[in-house]
Amino acid sequence: MIVFADIETESLTPDKLWCICVKEKESGKTHQFVNLHENEEERDRFKQYAKGVTRWVGHNFINFDAPVINRIVGQVIDMQKIVIPWLCLCLLTSVSDHTVLQHGVRS
């Protein structure tokens, strides 16, 4: 299952993981997991859910979201299963001497 995911925390060096929101690519279903820093039931629910994910898609997911989730919830996200949308855009749209930045400036 491919999911688009995002988290909310209290800072850039968080101790609190207020929520994880995911949307499943195929079904369009959404899920919210809240107060994972203090709610063991929500942490367990997310751990179970994460077992079914084959790809995580999210902005800054490698540098921020996944490490925060893995630190607060436990090692549930395999870093090899993360896709960064911006990187995909670069790979799909860069042809010859055209860059994503040039495309954005023209738009």
N, C-alpha and C. Protein backbone atom coordinates (compact mmCIF):
# COMPACT_ATOMS: atom_id res chain seq x y z
N MET A 1 0.85 -1.17 0.00
CA MET A 1 0.00 0.00 0.00
C MET A 1 0.90 1.24 0.00
N ILE A 2 0.61 2.16 -0.90
CA ILE A 2 1.32 3.44 -0.98
C ILE A 2 0.50 4.47 -0.21
N VAL A 3 1.18 5.23 0.66
CA VAL A 3 0.48 6.27 1.42
C VAL A 3 1.21 7.60 1.31
N PHE A 4 0.44 8.67 1.32
CA PHE A 4 0.97 10.03 1.41
C PHE A 4 0.84 10.40 2.89
N ALA A 5 1.92 10.91 3.47
CA ALA A 5 1.91 11.11 4.91
C ALA A 5 2.51 12.45 5.31
N ASP A 6 2.08 12.95 6.45
CA ASP A 6 2.63 14.16 7.03
C ASP A 6 2.46 14.08 8.55
N ILE A 7 3.33 14.78 9.26
CA ILE A 7 3.23 14.80 10.72
C ILE A 7 3.17 16.24 11.22
N GLU A 8 2.72 16.40 12.44
CA GLU A 8 2.74 17.69 13.13
C GLU A 8 3.40 17.49 14.48
N THR A 9 4.35 18.38 14.78
CA THR A 9 5.08 18.34 16.04
C THR A 9 5.07 19.72 16.68
N GLU A 10 5.68 19.84 17.84
CA GLU A 10 5.69 21.14 18.52
C GLU A 10 6.91 21.98 18.16
N SER A 11 7.89 21.40 17.47
CA SER A 11 9.09 22.18 17.12
C SER A 11 9.89 21.43 16.06
N LEU A 12 11.01 22.03 15.67
CA LEU A 12 11.90 21.36 14.71
C LEU A 12 12.82 20.35 15.40
N THR A 13 12.82 20.36 16.72
CA THR A 13 13.54 19.35 17.50
C THR A 13 12.53 18.76 18.49
N PRO A 14 11.57 18.01 17.98
CA PRO A 14 10.38 17.66 18.75
C PRO A 14 10.56 16.55 19.79
N ASP A 15 9.78 16.72 20.84
CA ASP A 15 9.57 15.67 21.82
C ASP A 15 8.12 15.20 21.76
N LYS A 16 7.29 15.99 21.08
CA LYS A 16 5.87 15.67 20.98
C LYS A 16 5.51 15.43 19.52
N LEU A 17 4.81 14.34 19.29
CA LEU A 17 4.30 14.00 17.97
C LEU A 17 2.78 14.10 18.05
N TRP A 18 2.27 15.29 17.68
CA TRP A 18 0.85 15.57 17.84
C TRP A 18 0.00 14.69 16.94
N CYS A 19 0.43 14.54 15.67
CA CYS A 19 -0.38 13.67 14.81
C CYS A 19 0.41 13.20 13.59
N ILE A 20 -0.02 12.07 13.08
CA ILE A 20 0.42 11.55 11.79
C ILE A 20 -0.85 11.40 10.98
N CYS A 21 -0.87 11.99 9.79
CA CYS A 21 -2.02 11.86 8.89
C CYS A 21 -1.55 11.16 7.63
N VAL A 22 -2.32 10.20 7.18
CA VAL A 22 -1.98 9.47 5.96
C VAL A 22 -3.20 9.38 5.07
N LYS A 23 -2.92 9.31 3.77
CA LYS A 23 -3.96 9.07 2.77
C LYS A 23 -3.47 7.95 1.88
N GLU A 24 -4.29 6.93 1.72
CA GLU A 24 -3.93 5.78 0.90
C GLU A 24 -4.15 6.10 -0.57
N LYS A 25 -3.13 5.84 -1.38
CA LYS A 25 -3.19 6.18 -2.80
C LYS A 25 -4.33 5.48 -3.51
N GLU A 26 -4.45 4.20 -3.36
CA GLU A 26 -5.45 3.43 -4.11
C GLU A 26 -6.88 3.70 -3.66
N SER A 27 -7.12 3.65 -2.37
CA SER A 27 -8.50 3.76 -1.86
C SER A 27 -8.93 5.19 -1.57
N GLY A 28 -7.95 6.07 -1.33
CA GLY A 28 -8.28 7.44 -0.95
C GLY A 28 -8.66 7.58 0.52
N LYS A 29 -8.66 6.46 1.26
CA LYS A 29 -8.98 6.50 2.69
C LYS A 29 -7.93 7.31 3.45
N THR A 30 -8.39 8.03 4.46
CA THR A 30 -7.48 8.78 5.31
C THR A 30 -7.49 8.21 6.72
N HIS A 31 -6.37 8.38 7.41
CA HIS A 31 -6.24 7.91 8.79
C HIS A 31 -5.47 8.96 9.58
N GLN A 32 -5.85 9.15 10.82
CA GLN A 32 -5.15 10.05 11.73
C GLN A 32 -4.75 9.28 12.98
N PHE A 33 -3.55 9.56 13.41
CA PHE A 33 -3.02 8.97 14.64
C PHE A 33 -2.58 10.15 15.50
N VAL A 34 -3.12 10.28 16.71
CA VAL A 34 -2.89 11.50 17.48
C VAL A 34 -2.19 11.24 18.81
N ASN A 35 -1.46 12.27 19.25
CA ASN A 35 -0.76 12.26 20.54
C ASN A 35 0.09 11.02 20.74
N LEU A 36 0.86 10.68 19.73
CA LEU A 36 1.66 9.46 19.79
C LEU A 36 2.77 9.53 20.83
N HIS A 37 3.16 10.71 21.23
CA HIS A 37 4.20 10.87 22.25
C HIS A 37 3.73 10.43 23.64
N GLU A 38 2.40 10.39 23.84
CA GLU A 38 1.90 10.03 25.17
C GLU A 38 0.83 8.94 25.16
N ASN A 39 0.33 8.58 24.00
CA ASN A 39 -0.77 7.63 23.93
C ASN A 39 -0.28 6.29 23.36
N GLU A 40 -0.07 5.35 24.24
CA GLU A 40 0.46 4.04 23.84
C GLU A 40 -0.48 3.30 22.89
N GLU A 41 -1.77 3.45 23.09
CA GLU A 41 -2.75 2.80 22.21
C GLU A 41 -2.62 3.32 20.77
N GLU A 42 -2.44 4.63 20.63
CA GLU A 42 -2.26 5.22 19.29
C GLU A 42 -0.93 4.79 18.67
N ARG A 43 0.12 4.71 19.50
CA ARG A 43 1.41 4.22 18.98
C ARG A 43 1.27 2.80 18.46
N ASP A 44 0.60 1.95 19.22
CA ASP A 44 0.40 0.56 18.80
C ASP A 44 -0.46 0.48 17.54
N ARG A 45 -1.49 1.30 17.46
CA ARG A 45 -2.35 1.33 16.28
C ARG A 45 -1.55 1.75 15.04
N PHE A 46 -0.67 2.76 15.20
CA PHE A 46 0.14 3.20 14.08
C PHE A 46 1.16 2.13 13.68
N LYS A 47 1.78 1.50 14.66
CA LYS A 47 2.75 0.44 14.37
C LYS A 47 2.10 -0.67 13.54
N GLN A 48 0.90 -1.05 13.90
CA GLN A 48 0.17 -2.08 13.16
C GLN A 48 -0.13 -1.60 11.75
N TYR A 49 -0.59 -0.37 11.62
CA TYR A 49 -0.91 0.19 10.31
C TYR A 49 0.33 0.25 9.43
N ALA A 50 1.44 0.68 9.99
CA ALA A 50 2.69 0.86 9.23
C ALA A 50 3.20 -0.44 8.62
N LYS A 51 2.87 -1.57 9.21
CA LYS A 51 3.30 -2.86 8.68
C LYS A 51 2.77 -3.10 7.27
N GLY A 52 1.63 -2.51 6.93
CA GLY A 52 1.02 -2.71 5.62
C GLY A 52 1.48 -1.73 4.55
N VAL A 53 2.33 -0.77 4.93
CA VAL A 53 2.75 0.26 3.98
C VAL A 53 3.98 -0.21 3.21
N THR A 54 3.88 -0.13 1.88
CA THR A 54 5.02 -0.51 1.03
C THR A 54 5.81 0.71 0.58
N ARG A 55 5.18 1.89 0.51
CA ARG A 55 5.85 3.13 0.14
C ARG A 55 5.25 4.28 0.92
N TRP A 56 6.14 5.10 1.50
CA TRP A 56 5.75 6.32 2.19
C TRP A 56 6.10 7.48 1.27
N VAL A 57 5.15 8.36 1.01
CA VAL A 57 5.40 9.53 0.18
C VAL A 57 5.15 10.76 1.04
N GLY A 58 6.13 11.65 1.10
CA GLY A 58 5.95 12.84 1.90
C GLY A 58 7.06 13.84 1.73
N HIS A 59 6.71 15.11 1.83
CA HIS A 59 7.68 16.20 1.74
C HIS A 59 8.58 16.16 2.98
N ASN A 60 9.87 16.18 2.78
CA ASN A 60 10.86 16.18 3.86
C ASN A 60 10.74 14.95 4.76
N PHE A 61 10.23 13.88 4.21
CA PHE A 61 9.99 12.66 4.99
C PHE A 61 11.28 11.97 5.40
N ILE A 62 12.31 12.04 4.55
CA ILE A 62 13.58 11.39 4.89
C ILE A 62 14.32 12.15 5.99
N ASN A 63 14.34 13.47 5.89
CA ASN A 63 15.13 14.27 6.83
C ASN A 63 14.42 14.62 8.12
N PHE A 64 13.09 14.59 8.13
CA PHE A 64 12.40 15.01 9.34
C PHE A 64 11.35 14.01 9.80
N ASP A 65 10.30 13.80 9.01
CA ASP A 65 9.14 13.02 9.47
C ASP A 65 9.51 11.61 9.91
N ALA A 66 10.14 10.84 9.03
CA ALA A 66 10.46 9.44 9.38
C ALA A 66 11.38 9.33 10.59
N PRO A 67 12.47 10.12 10.66
CA PRO A 67 13.30 10.03 11.87
C PRO A 67 12.56 10.37 13.16
N VAL A 68 11.66 11.36 13.10
CA VAL A 68 10.88 11.72 14.28
C VAL A 68 9.94 10.57 14.66
N ILE A 69 9.25 10.03 13.67
CA ILE A 69 8.34 8.91 13.94
C ILE A 69 9.12 7.74 14.53
N ASN A 70 10.24 7.39 13.90
CA ASN A 70 11.03 6.25 14.39
C ASN A 70 11.58 6.47 15.79
N ARG A 71 11.91 7.71 16.12
CA ARG A 71 12.44 8.00 17.46
C ARG A 71 11.34 7.96 18.52
N ILE A 72 10.18 8.51 18.20
CA ILE A 72 9.12 8.60 19.21
C ILE A 72 8.25 7.34 19.27
N VAL A 73 7.94 6.77 18.12
CA VAL A 73 7.05 5.61 18.07
C VAL A 73 7.83 4.29 18.16
N GLY A 74 9.03 4.27 17.60
CA GLY A 74 9.82 3.05 17.48
C GLY A 74 10.16 2.86 16.01
N GLN A 75 11.07 1.99 15.71
CA GLN A 75 11.55 1.79 14.34
C GLN A 75 10.46 1.13 13.48
N VAL A 76 9.55 1.94 12.95
CA VAL A 76 8.45 1.40 12.16
C VAL A 76 8.55 1.75 10.68
N ILE A 77 9.36 2.74 10.34
CA ILE A 77 9.46 3.15 8.94
C ILE A 77 10.83 2.79 8.40
N ASP A 78 10.83 1.96 7.37
CA ASP A 78 12.05 1.58 6.67
C ASP A 78 12.41 2.73 5.73
N MET A 79 13.58 3.33 5.93
CA MET A 79 13.99 4.49 5.14
C MET A 79 14.09 4.16 3.65
N GLN A 80 14.23 2.90 3.31
CA GLN A 80 14.31 2.49 1.90
C GLN A 80 12.93 2.54 1.22
N LYS A 81 11.89 2.71 1.99
CA LYS A 81 10.53 2.71 1.44
C LYS A 81 9.95 4.11 1.30
N ILE A 82 10.82 5.13 1.34
CA ILE A 82 10.35 6.51 1.29
C ILE A 82 10.55 7.08 -0.11
N VAL A 83 9.53 7.78 -0.59
CA VAL A 83 9.59 8.48 -1.87
C VAL A 83 9.39 9.96 -1.59
N ILE A 84 10.26 10.79 -2.17
CA ILE A 84 10.15 12.24 -2.01
C ILE A 84 9.50 12.81 -3.28
N PRO A 85 8.35 13.47 -3.18
CA PRO A 85 7.66 13.97 -4.37
C PRO A 85 8.52 14.90 -5.22
N TRP A 86 9.28 15.79 -4.59
CA TRP A 86 10.10 16.74 -5.33
C TRP A 86 11.14 16.01 -6.18
N LEU A 87 11.74 14.98 -5.63
CA LEU A 87 12.72 14.20 -6.38
C LEU A 87 12.07 13.53 -7.59
N CYS A 88 10.89 12.98 -7.41
CA CYS A 88 10.17 12.36 -8.54
C CYS A 88 9.89 13.40 -9.61
N LEU A 89 9.48 14.58 -9.20
CA LEU A 89 9.20 15.65 -10.15
C LEU A 89 10.46 15.98 -10.95
N CYS A 90 11.58 16.07 -10.25
CA CYS A 90 12.85 16.37 -10.93
C CYS A 90 13.19 15.29 -11.96
N LEU A 91 13.05 14.05 -11.56
CA LEU A 91 13.39 12.94 -12.45
C LEU A 91 12.45 12.85 -13.65
N LEU A 92 11.19 13.18 -13.43
CA LEU A 92 10.21 13.06 -14.50
C LEU A 92 10.19 14.25 -15.44
N THR A 93 10.60 15.43 -14.97
CA THR A 93 10.46 16.62 -15.79
C THR A 93 11.77 17.16 -16.34
N SER A 94 12.91 16.69 -15.88
CA SER A 94 14.14 17.25 -16.42
C SER A 94 14.49 16.56 -17.73
N VAL A 95 14.43 17.33 -18.77
CA VAL A 95 14.78 16.86 -20.10
C VAL A 95 15.76 17.84 -20.71
N SER A 96 16.77 17.33 -21.36
CA SER A 96 17.87 18.11 -21.96
C SER A 96 18.34 19.18 -20.99
N ASP A 97 18.27 20.45 -21.38
CA ASP A 97 18.80 21.50 -20.50
C ASP A 97 17.70 22.17 -19.67
N HIS A 98 16.49 21.64 -19.68
CA HIS A 98 15.39 22.23 -18.91
C HIS A 98 15.42 21.68 -17.49
N THR A 99 15.21 22.54 -16.53
CA THR A 99 15.19 22.11 -15.13
C THR A 99 13.82 22.42 -14.53
N VAL A 100 13.55 21.82 -13.41
CA VAL A 100 12.30 22.09 -12.69
C VAL A 100 12.23 23.57 -12.34
N LEU A 101 13.35 24.14 -11.91
CA LEU A 101 13.37 25.55 -11.54
C LEU A 101 12.98 26.41 -12.74
N GLN A 102 13.54 26.14 -13.90
CA GLN A 102 13.19 26.90 -15.10
C GLN A 102 11.70 26.74 -15.41
N HIS A 103 11.19 25.55 -15.26
CA HIS A 103 9.77 25.31 -15.51
C HIS A 103 8.93 26.14 -14.55
N GLY A 104 9.32 26.18 -13.28
CA GLY A 104 8.58 26.95 -12.28
C GLY A 104 8.63 28.45 -12.57
N VAL A 105 9.77 28.94 -13.04
CA VAL A 105 9.91 30.36 -13.35
C VAL A 105 9.02 30.72 -14.53
N ARG A 106 8.90 29.83 -15.51
CA ARG A 106 8.07 30.09 -16.69
C ARG A 106 6.59 30.06 -16.35
N SER A 107 6.20 29.27 -15.37
CA SER A 107 4.77 29.07 -15.07
C SER A 107 4.13 30.29 -14.44
